[in-house]
Amino acid sequence: MLQLGRGAEAIEQFKAAIQIKPDYAEACYNLANVLLETNHVPEAIAQYQKALQLKPDYAEAHNNLGAALLRAGRLSEAAEQFKQALQIRPDYTNARNNLARLQALQKTAPAKN
């Protein structure tokens, strides 16, 4: 749906799924993905966090929460989420790459006074 420019429709569909089954972690995760893709970063963060409350070992949700936190400028929190994803799935290449990019970004960022 998102590729067809129907992000708002996708958001409503996932919200409907969550209304029917509030403990559906995958629906929260998918809703968060659409929210992030449509630049609703704070709402995406909240939905990733909800998915993780329902399913704490959800490596993909930790990784994508890290990406959302990174986009929000919350670098240390983002790093923690990437590390959580890697604790759950040590072979998770996407999380490893995201953490490496974040660490490189932190090294090149100007020091704050």
PDB file of N, CA and C in Angstrom:
ATOM      1  N   MET A   1       0.813  -1.198   0.000  1.00  0.00           N
ATOM      2  CA  MET A   1       0.000   0.000   0.000  1.00  0.00           C
ATOM      3  C   MET A   1       0.852   1.256   0.000  1.00  0.00           C
ATOM      4  N   LEU A   2       1.934   1.214   0.758  1.00  0.00           N
ATOM      5  CA  LEU A   2       2.766   2.399   0.879  1.00  0.00           C
ATOM      6  C   LEU A   2       3.388   2.767  -0.461  1.00  0.00           C
ATOM      7  N   GLN A   3       3.811   1.751  -1.229  1.00  0.00           N
ATOM      8  CA  GLN A   3       4.412   2.018  -2.523  1.00  0.00           C
ATOM      9  C   GLN A   3       3.407   2.667  -3.473  1.00  0.00           C
ATOM     10  N   LEU A   4       2.128   2.452  -3.250  1.00  0.00           N
ATOM     11  CA  LEU A   4       1.098   3.028  -4.093  1.00  0.00           C
ATOM     12  C   LEU A   4       0.660   4.406  -3.599  1.00  0.00           C
ATOM     13  N   GLY A   5       1.369   4.941  -2.611  1.00  0.00           N
ATOM     14  CA  GLY A   5       1.009   6.246  -2.078  1.00  0.00           C
ATOM     15  C   GLY A   5      -0.215   6.197  -1.185  1.00  0.00           C
ATOM     16  N   ARG A   6      -0.449   5.051  -0.581  1.00  0.00           N
ATOM     17  CA  ARG A   6      -1.637   4.882   0.243  1.00  0.00           C
ATOM     18  C   ARG A   6      -1.260   4.692   1.706  1.00  0.00           C
ATOM     19  N   GLY A   7      -0.331   5.518   2.174  1.00  0.00           N
ATOM     20  CA  GLY A   7       0.122   5.425   3.562  1.00  0.00           C
ATOM     21  C   GLY A   7      -0.993   5.642   4.560  1.00  0.00           C
ATOM     22  N   ALA A   8      -1.849   6.618   4.302  1.00  0.00           N
ATOM     23  CA  ALA A   8      -2.939   6.906   5.240  1.00  0.00           C
ATOM     24  C   ALA A   8      -3.880   5.710   5.358  1.00  0.00           C
ATOM     25  N   GLU A   9      -4.127   5.049   4.241  1.00  0.00           N
ATOM     26  CA  GLU A   9      -4.988   3.860   4.259  1.00  0.00           C
ATOM     27  C   GLU A   9      -4.322   2.727   5.040  1.00  0.00           C
ATOM     28  N   ALA A  10      -3.028   2.553   4.841  1.00  0.00           N
ATOM     29  CA  ALA A  10      -2.292   1.513   5.567  1.00  0.00           C
ATOM     30  C   ALA A  10      -2.334   1.787   7.063  1.00  0.00           C
ATOM     31  N   ILE A  11      -2.145   3.044   7.446  1.00  0.00           N
ATOM     32  CA  ILE A  11      -2.195   3.416   8.861  1.00  0.00           C
ATOM     33  C   ILE A  11      -3.548   3.039   9.453  1.00  0.00           C
ATOM     34  N   GLU A  12      -4.617   3.363   8.745  1.00  0.00           N
ATOM     35  CA  GLU A  12      -5.962   3.051   9.247  1.00  0.00           C
ATOM     36  C   GLU A  12      -6.185   1.542   9.348  1.00  0.00           C
ATOM     37  N   GLN A  13      -5.673   0.779   8.388  1.00  0.00           N
ATOM     38  CA  GLN A  13      -5.830  -0.675   8.419  1.00  0.00           C
ATOM     39  C   GLN A  13      -5.103  -1.282   9.623  1.00  0.00           C
ATOM     40  N   PHE A  14      -3.881  -0.817   9.880  1.00  0.00           N
ATOM     41  CA  PHE A  14      -3.142  -1.351  11.023  1.00  0.00           C
ATOM     42  C   PHE A  14      -3.787  -0.932  12.340  1.00  0.00           C
ATOM     43  N   LYS A  15      -4.287   0.294  12.399  1.00  0.00           N
ATOM     44  CA  LYS A  15      -4.987   0.734  13.611  1.00  0.00           C
ATOM     45  C   LYS A  15      -6.230  -0.121  13.858  1.00  0.00           C
ATOM     46  N   ALA A  16      -6.925  -0.475  12.782  1.00  0.00           N
ATOM     47  CA  ALA A  16      -8.111  -1.322  12.903  1.00  0.00           C
ATOM     48  C   ALA A  16      -7.720  -2.702  13.419  1.00  0.00           C
ATOM     49  N   ALA A  17      -6.629  -3.243  12.918  1.00  0.00           N
ATOM     50  CA  ALA A  17      -6.156  -4.551  13.376  1.00  0.00           C
ATOM     51  C   ALA A  17      -5.819  -4.511  14.863  1.00  0.00           C
ATOM     52  N   ILE A  18      -5.209  -3.421  15.306  1.00  0.00           N
ATOM     53  CA  ILE A  18      -4.844  -3.275  16.717  1.00  0.00           C
ATOM     54  C   ILE A  18      -6.095  -3.129  17.584  1.00  0.00           C
ATOM     55  N   GLN A  19      -7.133  -2.458  17.054  1.00  0.00           N
ATOM     56  CA  GLN A  19      -8.404  -2.340  17.792  1.00  0.00           C
ATOM     57  C   GLN A  19      -8.997  -3.719  18.037  1.00  0.00           C
ATOM     58  N   ILE A  20      -8.901  -4.573  17.007  1.00  0.00           N
ATOM     59  CA  ILE A  20      -9.467  -5.917  17.110  1.00  0.00           C
ATOM     60  C   ILE A  20      -8.628  -6.792  18.033  1.00  0.00           C
ATOM     61  N   LYS A  21      -7.308  -6.676  17.898  1.00  0.00           N
ATOM     62  CA  LYS A  21      -6.405  -7.516  18.693  1.00  0.00           C
ATOM     63  C   LYS A  21      -5.296  -6.634  19.274  1.00  0.00           C
ATOM     64  N   PRO A  22      -5.527  -6.017  20.428  1.00  0.00           N
ATOM     65  CA  PRO A  22      -4.576  -5.067  21.017  1.00  0.00           C
ATOM     66  C   PRO A  22      -3.197  -5.652  21.337  1.00  0.00           C
ATOM     67  N   ASP A  23      -3.100  -6.963  21.478  1.00  0.00           N
ATOM     68  CA  ASP A  23      -1.816  -7.576  21.802  1.00  0.00           C
ATOM     69  C   ASP A  23      -1.078  -8.097  20.558  1.00  0.00           C
ATOM     70  N   TYR A  24      -1.423  -7.574  19.403  1.00  0.00           N
ATOM     71  CA  TYR A  24      -0.848  -8.000  18.124  1.00  0.00           C
ATOM     72  C   TYR A  24       0.415  -7.172  17.851  1.00  0.00           C
ATOM     73  N   ALA A  25       1.549  -7.665  18.333  1.00  0.00           N
ATOM     74  CA  ALA A  25       2.822  -6.942  18.231  1.00  0.00           C
ATOM     75  C   ALA A  25       3.194  -6.632  16.787  1.00  0.00           C
ATOM     76  N   GLU A  26       2.942  -7.576  15.891  1.00  0.00           N
ATOM     77  CA  GLU A  26       3.306  -7.369  14.489  1.00  0.00           C
ATOM     78  C   GLU A  26       2.519  -6.217  13.864  1.00  0.00           C
ATOM     79  N   ALA A  27       1.255  -6.050  14.261  1.00  0.00           N
ATOM     80  CA  ALA A  27       0.465  -4.928  13.740  1.00  0.00           C
ATOM     81  C   ALA A  27       1.034  -3.603  14.248  1.00  0.00           C
ATOM     82  N   CYS A  28       1.434  -3.575  15.514  1.00  0.00           N
ATOM     83  CA  CYS A  28       2.059  -2.354  16.061  1.00  0.00           C
ATOM     84  C   CYS A  28       3.356  -2.047  15.316  1.00  0.00           C
ATOM     85  N   TYR A  29       4.143  -3.084  15.077  1.00  0.00           N
ATOM     86  CA  TYR A  29       5.414  -2.942  14.348  1.00  0.00           C
ATOM     87  C   TYR A  29       5.168  -2.439  12.930  1.00  0.00           C
ATOM     88  N   ASN A  30       4.204  -3.047  12.232  1.00  0.00           N
ATOM     89  CA  ASN A  30       3.917  -2.622  10.865  1.00  0.00           C
ATOM     90  C   ASN A  30       3.349  -1.208  10.814  1.00  0.00           C
ATOM     91  N   LEU A  31       2.507  -0.871  11.779  1.00  0.00           N
ATOM     92  CA  LEU A  31       1.996   0.498  11.874  1.00  0.00           C
ATOM     93  C   LEU A  31       3.160   1.463  12.072  1.00  0.00           C
ATOM     94  N   ALA A  32       4.071   1.114  12.953  1.00  0.00           N
ATOM     95  CA  ALA A  32       5.234   1.959  13.211  1.00  0.00           C
ATOM     96  C   ALA A  32       6.058   2.144  11.940  1.00  0.00           C
ATOM     97  N   ASN A  33       6.235   1.074  11.167  1.00  0.00           N
ATOM     98  CA  ASN A  33       6.996   1.178   9.919  1.00  0.00           C
ATOM     99  C   ASN A  33       6.356   2.177   8.956  1.00  0.00           C
ATOM    100  N   VAL A  34       5.026   2.106   8.816  1.00  0.00           N
ATOM    101  CA  VAL A  34       4.326   3.033   7.926  1.00  0.00           C
ATOM    102  C   VAL A  34       4.431   4.454   8.472  1.00  0.00           C
ATOM    103  N   LEU A  35       4.265   4.611   9.774  1.00  0.00           N
ATOM    104  CA  LEU A  35       4.378   5.941  10.381  1.00  0.00           C
ATOM    105  C   LEU A  35       5.770   6.526  10.143  1.00  0.00           C
ATOM    106  N   LEU A  36       6.796   5.703  10.287  1.00  0.00           N
ATOM    107  CA  LEU A  36       8.159   6.184  10.065  1.00  0.00           C
ATOM    108  C   LEU A  36       8.361   6.570   8.602  1.00  0.00           C
ATOM    109  N   GLU A  37       7.860   5.739   7.694  1.00  0.00           N
ATOM    110  CA  GLU A  37       7.992   6.028   6.260  1.00  0.00           C
ATOM    111  C   GLU A  37       7.262   7.302   5.861  1.00  0.00           C
ATOM    112  N   THR A  38       6.212   7.655   6.590  1.00  0.00           N
ATOM    113  CA  THR A  38       5.435   8.857   6.283  1.00  0.00           C
ATOM    114  C   THR A  38       5.816  10.024   7.194  1.00  0.00           C
ATOM    115  N   ASN A  39       6.989   9.911   7.819  1.00  0.00           N
ATOM    116  CA  ASN A  39       7.577  10.980   8.644  1.00  0.00           C
ATOM    117  C   ASN A  39       6.765  11.357   9.871  1.00  0.00           C
ATOM    118  N   HIS A  40       6.079  10.399  10.452  1.00  0.00           N
ATOM    119  CA  HIS A  40       5.400  10.587  11.733  1.00  0.00           C
ATOM    120  C   HIS A  40       6.276   9.931  12.802  1.00  0.00           C
ATOM    121  N   VAL A  41       7.449  10.507  13.017  1.00  0.00           N
ATOM    122  CA  VAL A  41       8.484   9.874  13.833  1.00  0.00           C
ATOM    123  C   VAL A  41       8.057   9.662  15.290  1.00  0.00           C
ATOM    124  N   PRO A  42       7.516  10.651  15.996  1.00  0.00           N
ATOM    125  CA  PRO A  42       7.134  10.405  17.393  1.00  0.00           C
ATOM    126  C   PRO A  42       6.092   9.285  17.531  1.00  0.00           C
ATOM    127  N   GLU A  43       5.128   9.260  16.609  1.00  0.00           N
ATOM    128  CA  GLU A  43       4.112   8.214  16.653  1.00  0.00           C
ATOM    129  C   GLU A  43       4.722   6.848  16.347  1.00  0.00           C
ATOM    130  N   ALA A  44       5.680   6.816  15.411  1.00  0.00           N
ATOM    131  CA  ALA A  44       6.365   5.561  15.083  1.00  0.00           C
ATOM    132  C   ALA A  44       7.119   5.043  16.305  1.00  0.00           C
ATOM    133  N   ILE A  45       7.822   5.924  16.983  1.00  0.00           N
ATOM    134  CA  ILE A  45       8.558   5.530  18.186  1.00  0.00           C
ATOM    135  C   ILE A  45       7.606   4.904  19.202  1.00  0.00           C
ATOM    136  N   ALA A  46       6.465   5.529  19.411  1.00  0.00           N
ATOM    137  CA  ALA A  46       5.488   5.012  20.378  1.00  0.00           C
ATOM    138  C   ALA A  46       4.992   3.626  19.974  1.00  0.00           C
ATOM    139  N   GLN A  47       4.759   3.409  18.693  1.00  0.00           N
ATOM    140  CA  GLN A  47       4.268   2.103  18.243  1.00  0.00           C
ATOM    141  C   GLN A  47       5.349   1.023  18.323  1.00  0.00           C
ATOM    142  N   TYR A  48       6.599   1.379  18.006  1.00  0.00           N
ATOM    143  CA  TYR A  48       7.681   0.406  18.192  1.00  0.00           C
ATOM    144  C   TYR A  48       7.792   0.023  19.670  1.00  0.00           C
ATOM    145  N   GLN A  49       7.678   1.021  20.541  1.00  0.00           N
ATOM    146  CA  GLN A  49       7.752   0.740  21.975  1.00  0.00           C
ATOM    147  C   GLN A  49       6.605  -0.157  22.421  1.00  0.00           C
ATOM    148  N   LYS A  50       5.419   0.057  21.863  1.00  0.00           N
ATOM    149  CA  LYS A  50       4.272  -0.787  22.194  1.00  0.00           C
ATOM    150  C   LYS A  50       4.520  -2.215  21.709  1.00  0.00           C
ATOM    151  N   ALA A  51       5.047  -2.357  20.495  1.00  0.00           N
ATOM    152  CA  ALA A  51       5.360  -3.691  19.970  1.00  0.00           C
ATOM    153  C   ALA A  51       6.349  -4.403  20.888  1.00  0.00           C
ATOM    154  N   LEU A  52       7.318  -3.653  21.396  1.00  0.00           N
ATOM    155  CA  LEU A  52       8.333  -4.243  22.268  1.00  0.00           C
ATOM    156  C   LEU A  52       7.787  -4.564  23.659  1.00  0.00           C
ATOM    157  N   GLN A  53       6.802  -3.829  24.110  1.00  0.00           N
ATOM    158  CA  GLN A  53       6.146  -4.186  25.376  1.00  0.00           C
ATOM    159  C   GLN A  53       5.436  -5.530  25.226  1.00  0.00           C
ATOM    160  N   LEU A  54       4.858  -5.741  24.048  1.00  0.00           N
ATOM    161  CA  LEU A  54       4.139  -6.985  23.786  1.00  0.00           C
ATOM    162  C   LEU A  54       5.071  -8.152  23.481  1.00  0.00           C
ATOM    163  N   LYS A  55       6.198  -7.839  22.859  1.00  0.00           N
ATOM    164  CA  LYS A  55       7.137  -8.885  22.422  1.00  0.00           C
ATOM    165  C   LYS A  55       8.565  -8.351  22.605  1.00  0.00           C
ATOM    166  N   PRO A  56       9.101  -8.433  23.821  1.00  0.00           N
ATOM    167  CA  PRO A  56      10.404  -7.831  24.136  1.00  0.00           C
ATOM    168  C   PRO A  56      11.584  -8.367  23.324  1.00  0.00           C
ATOM    169  N   ASP A  57      11.459  -9.565  22.792  1.00  0.00           N
ATOM    170  CA  ASP A  57      12.565 -10.151  22.033  1.00  0.00           C
ATOM    171  C   ASP A  57      12.420  -9.939  20.519  1.00  0.00           C
ATOM    172  N   TYR A  58      11.708  -8.914  20.129  1.00  0.00           N
ATOM    173  CA  TYR A  58      11.424  -8.596  18.728  1.00  0.00           C
ATOM    174  C   TYR A  58      12.603  -7.787  18.166  1.00  0.00           C
ATOM    175  N   ALA A  59      13.585  -8.491  17.640  1.00  0.00           N
ATOM    176  CA  ALA A  59      14.822  -7.843  17.176  1.00  0.00           C
ATOM    177  C   ALA A  59      14.562  -6.780  16.112  1.00  0.00           C
ATOM    178  N   GLU A  60      13.662  -7.059  15.193  1.00  0.00           N
ATOM    179  CA  GLU A  60      13.367  -6.103  14.129  1.00  0.00           C
ATOM    180  C   GLU A  60      12.778  -4.807  14.696  1.00  0.00           C
ATOM    181  N   ALA A  61      11.938  -4.940  15.709  1.00  0.00           N
ATOM    182  CA  ALA A  61      11.356  -3.749  16.332  1.00  0.00           C
ATOM    183  C   ALA A  61      12.420  -2.943  17.063  1.00  0.00           C
ATOM    184  N   HIS A  62      13.364  -3.615  17.718  1.00  0.00           N
ATOM    185  CA  HIS A  62      14.467  -2.893  18.361  1.00  0.00           C
ATOM    186  C   HIS A  62      15.276  -2.136  17.311  1.00  0.00           C
ATOM    187  N   ASN A  63      15.579  -2.801  16.211  1.00  0.00           N
ATOM    188  CA  ASN A  63      16.366  -2.167  15.150  1.00  0.00           C
ATOM    189  C   ASN A  63      15.636  -0.955  14.568  1.00  0.00           C
ATOM    190  N   ASN A  64      14.368  -1.125  14.252  1.00  0.00           N
ATOM    191  CA  ASN A  64      13.627  -0.026  13.642  1.00  0.00           C
ATOM    192  C   ASN A  64      13.338   1.091  14.637  1.00  0.00           C
ATOM    193  N   LEU A  65      13.159   0.743  15.909  1.00  0.00           N
ATOM    194  CA  LEU A  65      13.046   1.783  16.936  1.00  0.00           C
ATOM    195  C   LEU A  65      14.346   2.576  16.978  1.00  0.00           C
ATOM    196  N   GLY A  66      15.470   1.878  16.886  1.00  0.00           N
ATOM    197  CA  GLY A  66      16.754   2.576  16.820  1.00  0.00           C
ATOM    198  C   GLY A  66      16.819   3.536  15.657  1.00  0.00           C
ATOM    199  N   ALA A  67      16.338   3.104  14.496  1.00  0.00           N
ATOM    200  CA  ALA A  67      16.334   3.973  13.316  1.00  0.00           C
ATOM    201  C   ALA A  67      15.447   5.198  13.533  1.00  0.00           C
ATOM    202  N   ALA A  68      14.297   4.997  14.167  1.00  0.00           N
ATOM    203  CA  ALA A  68      13.395   6.117  14.449  1.00  0.00           C
ATOM    204  C   ALA A  68      14.014   7.077  15.458  1.00  0.00           C
ATOM    205  N   LEU A  69      14.633   6.532  16.486  1.00  0.00           N
ATOM    206  CA  LEU A  69      15.299   7.372  17.485  1.00  0.00           C
ATOM    207  C   LEU A  69      16.453   8.145  16.860  1.00  0.00           C
ATOM    208  N   LEU A  70      17.159   7.504  15.964  1.00  0.00           N
ATOM    209  CA  LEU A  70      18.251   8.176  15.247  1.00  0.00           C
ATOM    210  C   LEU A  70      17.703   9.345  14.449  1.00  0.00           C
ATOM    211  N   ARG A  71      16.606   9.122  13.757  1.00  0.00           N
ATOM    212  CA  ARG A  71      15.987  10.190  12.973  1.00  0.00           C
ATOM    213  C   ARG A  71      15.539  11.336  13.873  1.00  0.00           C
ATOM    214  N   ALA A  72      15.162  11.011  15.111  1.00  0.00           N
ATOM    215  CA  ALA A  72      14.731  12.031  16.077  1.00  0.00           C
ATOM    216  C   ALA A  72      15.915  12.697  16.772  1.00  0.00           C
ATOM    217  N   GLY A  73      17.136  12.272  16.448  1.00  0.00           N
ATOM    218  CA  GLY A  73      18.322  12.871  17.052  1.00  0.00           C
ATOM    219  C   GLY A  73      18.662  12.324  18.421  1.00  0.00           C
ATOM    220  N   ARG A  74      18.064  11.226  18.802  1.00  0.00           N
ATOM    221  CA  ARG A  74      18.281  10.615  20.118  1.00  0.00           C
ATOM    222  C   ARG A  74      19.312   9.490  19.962  1.00  0.00           C
ATOM    223  N   LEU A  75      20.572   9.896  19.758  1.00  0.00           N
ATOM    224  CA  LEU A  75      21.618   8.977  19.342  1.00  0.00           C
ATOM    225  C   LEU A  75      21.945   7.892  20.359  1.00  0.00           C
ATOM    226  N   SER A  76      22.079   8.237  21.620  1.00  0.00           N
ATOM    227  CA  SER A  76      22.442   7.211  22.604  1.00  0.00           C
ATOM    228  C   SER A  76      21.325   6.184  22.763  1.00  0.00           C
ATOM    229  N   GLU A  77      20.082   6.636  22.708  1.00  0.00           N
ATOM    230  CA  GLU A  77      18.952   5.705  22.796  1.00  0.00           C
ATOM    231  C   GLU A  77      18.914   4.803  21.560  1.00  0.00           C
ATOM    232  N   ALA A  78      19.219   5.376  20.401  1.00  0.00           N
ATOM    233  CA  ALA A  78      19.257   4.595  19.163  1.00  0.00           C
ATOM    234  C   ALA A  78      20.312   3.501  19.260  1.00  0.00           C
ATOM    235  N   ALA A  79      21.489   3.861  19.752  1.00  0.00           N
ATOM    236  CA  ALA A  79      22.570   2.878  19.893  1.00  0.00           C
ATOM    237  C   ALA A  79      22.144   1.731  20.797  1.00  0.00           C
ATOM    238  N   GLU A  80      21.457   2.039  21.883  1.00  0.00           N
ATOM    239  CA  GLU A  80      20.993   0.999  22.804  1.00  0.00           C
ATOM    240  C   GLU A  80      20.027   0.040  22.113  1.00  0.00           C
ATOM    241  N   GLN A  81      19.166   0.569  21.264  1.00  0.00           N
ATOM    242  CA  GLN A  81      18.212  -0.292  20.561  1.00  0.00           C
ATOM    243  C   GLN A  81      18.911  -1.198  19.553  1.00  0.00           C
ATOM    244  N   PHE A  82      19.909  -0.663  18.842  1.00  0.00           N
ATOM    245  CA  PHE A  82      20.667  -1.500  17.908  1.00  0.00           C
ATOM    246  C   PHE A  82      21.396  -2.605  18.666  1.00  0.00           C
ATOM    247  N   LYS A  83      21.944  -2.259  19.830  1.00  0.00           N
ATOM    248  CA  LYS A  83      22.638  -3.256  20.653  1.00  0.00           C
ATOM    249  C   LYS A  83      21.668  -4.317  21.164  1.00  0.00           C
ATOM    250  N   GLN A  84      20.464  -3.889  21.548  1.00  0.00           N
ATOM    251  CA  GLN A  84      19.442  -4.850  21.990  1.00  0.00           C
ATOM    252  C   GLN A  84      19.122  -5.831  20.865  1.00  0.00           C
ATOM    253  N   ALA A  85      18.946  -5.311  19.656  1.00  0.00           N
ATOM    254  CA  ALA A  85      18.644  -6.167  18.508  1.00  0.00           C
ATOM    255  C   ALA A  85      19.752  -7.198  18.316  1.00  0.00           C
ATOM    256  N   LEU A  86      21.001  -6.758  18.483  1.00  0.00           N
ATOM    257  CA  LEU A  86      22.140  -7.659  18.301  1.00  0.00           C
ATOM    258  C   LEU A  86      22.271  -8.663  19.443  1.00  0.00           C
ATOM    259  N   GLN A  87      21.838  -8.313  20.632  1.00  0.00           N
ATOM    260  CA  GLN A  87      21.838  -9.284  21.728  1.00  0.00           C
ATOM    261  C   GLN A  87      20.850 -10.413  21.438  1.00  0.00           C
ATOM    262  N   ILE A  88      19.728 -10.037  20.844  1.00  0.00           N
ATOM    263  CA  ILE A  88      18.704 -11.022  20.527  1.00  0.00           C
ATOM    264  C   ILE A  88      19.126 -11.864  19.319  1.00  0.00           C
ATOM    265  N   ARG A  89      19.650 -11.181  18.304  1.00  0.00           N
ATOM    266  CA  ARG A  89      20.079 -11.855  17.072  1.00  0.00           C
ATOM    267  C   ARG A  89      21.476 -11.376  16.701  1.00  0.00           C
ATOM    268  N   PRO A  90      22.507 -12.030  17.199  1.00  0.00           N
ATOM    269  CA  PRO A  90      23.888 -11.601  16.941  1.00  0.00           C
ATOM    270  C   PRO A  90      24.253 -11.543  15.455  1.00  0.00           C
ATOM    271  N   ASP A  91      23.534 -12.267  14.620  1.00  0.00           N
ATOM    272  CA  ASP A  91      23.822 -12.283  13.187  1.00  0.00           C
ATOM    273  C   ASP A  91      22.986 -11.266  12.403  1.00  0.00           C
ATOM    274  N   TYR A  92      22.335 -10.346  13.087  1.00  0.00           N
ATOM    275  CA  TYR A  92      21.425  -9.386  12.454  1.00  0.00           C
ATOM    276  C   TYR A  92      22.241  -8.284  11.770  1.00  0.00           C
ATOM    277  N   THR A  93      22.491  -8.476  10.492  1.00  0.00           N
ATOM    278  CA  THR A  93      23.351  -7.583   9.712  1.00  0.00           C
ATOM    279  C   THR A  93      22.834  -6.154   9.682  1.00  0.00           C
ATOM    280  N   ASN A  94      21.542  -5.983   9.525  1.00  0.00           N
ATOM    281  CA  ASN A  94      20.972  -4.638   9.442  1.00  0.00           C
ATOM    282  C   ASN A  94      21.236  -3.856  10.724  1.00  0.00           C
ATOM    283  N   ALA A  95      21.031  -4.486  11.868  1.00  0.00           N
ATOM    284  CA  ALA A  95      21.290  -3.818  13.150  1.00  0.00           C
ATOM    285  C   ALA A  95      22.780  -3.521  13.312  1.00  0.00           C
ATOM    286  N   ARG A  96      23.618  -4.466  12.914  1.00  0.00           N
ATOM    287  CA  ARG A  96      25.072  -4.261  13.006  1.00  0.00           C
ATOM    288  C   ARG A  96      25.497  -3.072  12.128  1.00  0.00           C
ATOM    289  N   ASN A  97      24.964  -3.006  10.911  1.00  0.00           N
ATOM    290  CA  ASN A  97      25.288  -1.898  10.011  1.00  0.00           C
ATOM    291  C   ASN A  97      24.770  -0.564  10.546  1.00  0.00           C
ATOM    292  N   ASN A  98      23.556  -0.577  11.104  1.00  0.00           N
ATOM    293  CA  ASN A  98      23.000   0.657  11.671  1.00  0.00           C
ATOM    294  C   ASN A  98      23.842   1.150  12.844  1.00  0.00           C
ATOM    295  N   LEU A  99      24.275   0.237  13.695  1.00  0.00           N
ATOM    296  CA  LEU A  99      25.113   0.612  14.831  1.00  0.00           C
ATOM    297  C   LEU A  99      26.448   1.168  14.346  1.00  0.00           C
ATOM    298  N   ALA A 100      27.037   0.537  13.349  1.00  0.00           N
ATOM    299  CA  ALA A 100      28.317   1.016  12.808  1.00  0.00           C
ATOM    300  C   ALA A 100      28.165   2.409  12.203  1.00  0.00           C
ATOM    301  N   ARG A 101      27.075   2.641  11.456  1.00  0.00           N
ATOM    302  CA  ARG A 101      26.839   3.978  10.879  1.00  0.00           C
ATOM    303  C   ARG A 101      26.655   5.017  11.972  1.00  0.00           C
ATOM    304  N   LEU A 102      25.920   4.644  13.016  1.00  0.00           N
ATOM    305  CA  LEU A 102      25.695   5.567  14.127  1.00  0.00           C
ATOM    306  C   LEU A 102      27.010   5.899  14.819  1.00  0.00           C
ATOM    307  N   GLN A 103      27.830   4.891  15.058  1.00  0.00           N
ATOM    308  CA  GLN A 103      29.117   5.131  15.715  1.00  0.00           C
ATOM    309  C   GLN A 103      30.020   6.003  14.851  1.00  0.00           C
ATOM    310  N   ALA A 104      29.994   5.806  13.537  1.00  0.00           N
ATOM    311  CA  ALA A 104      30.779   6.660  12.641  1.00  0.00           C
ATOM    312  C   ALA A 104      30.246   8.088  12.672  1.00  0.00           C
ATOM    313  N   LEU A 105      28.946   8.224  12.713  1.00  0.00           N
ATOM    314  CA  LEU A 105      28.321   9.544  12.799  1.00  0.00           C
ATOM    315  C   LEU A 105      28.719  10.249  14.087  1.00  0.00           C
ATOM    316  N   GLN A 106      28.743   9.515  15.186  1.00  0.00           N
ATOM    317  CA  GLN A 106      29.124  10.107  16.474  1.00  0.00           C
ATOM    318  C   GLN A 106      30.577  10.556  16.471  1.00  0.00           C
ATOM    319  N   LYS A 107      31.441   9.840  15.761  1.00  0.00           N
ATOM    320  CA  LYS A 107      32.845  10.217  15.696  1.00  0.00           C
ATOM    321  C   LYS A 107      33.070  11.466  14.872  1.00  0.00           C
ATOM    322  N   THR A 108      32.239  11.671  13.843  1.00  0.00           N
ATOM    323  CA  THR A 108      32.422  12.825  12.959  1.00  0.00           C
ATOM    324  C   THR A 108      31.601  14.036  13.386  1.00  0.00           C
ATOM    325  N   ALA A 109      30.671  13.833  14.321  1.00  0.00           N
ATOM    326  CA  ALA A 109      29.838  14.956  14.773  1.00  0.00           C
ATOM    327  C   ALA A 109      30.694  15.931  15.580  1.00  0.00           C
ATOM    328  N   PRO A 110      30.459  17.232  15.388  1.00  0.00           N
ATOM    329  CA  PRO A 110      31.209  18.211  16.182  1.00  0.00           C
ATOM    330  C   PRO A 110      30.859  18.098  17.661  1.00  0.00           C
ATOM    331  N   ALA A 111      31.826  18.310  18.482  1.00  0.00           N
ATOM    332  CA  ALA A 111      31.629  18.242  19.933  1.00  0.00           C
ATOM    333  C   ALA A 111      30.691  19.366  20.363  1.00  0.00           C
ATOM    334  N   LYS A 112      29.796  19.047  21.324  1.00  0.00           N
ATOM    335  CA  LYS A 112      28.883  20.054  21.857  1.00  0.00           C
ATOM    336  C   LYS A 112      29.526  20.710  23.049  1.00  0.00           C
ATOM    337  N   ASN A 113      29.368  22.009  23.141  1.00  0.00           N
ATOM    338  CA  ASN A 113      29.934  22.774  24.261  1.00  0.00           C
ATOM    339  C   ASN A 113      29.001  22.813  25.423  1.00  0.00           C
TER     340      ASN A 113
END
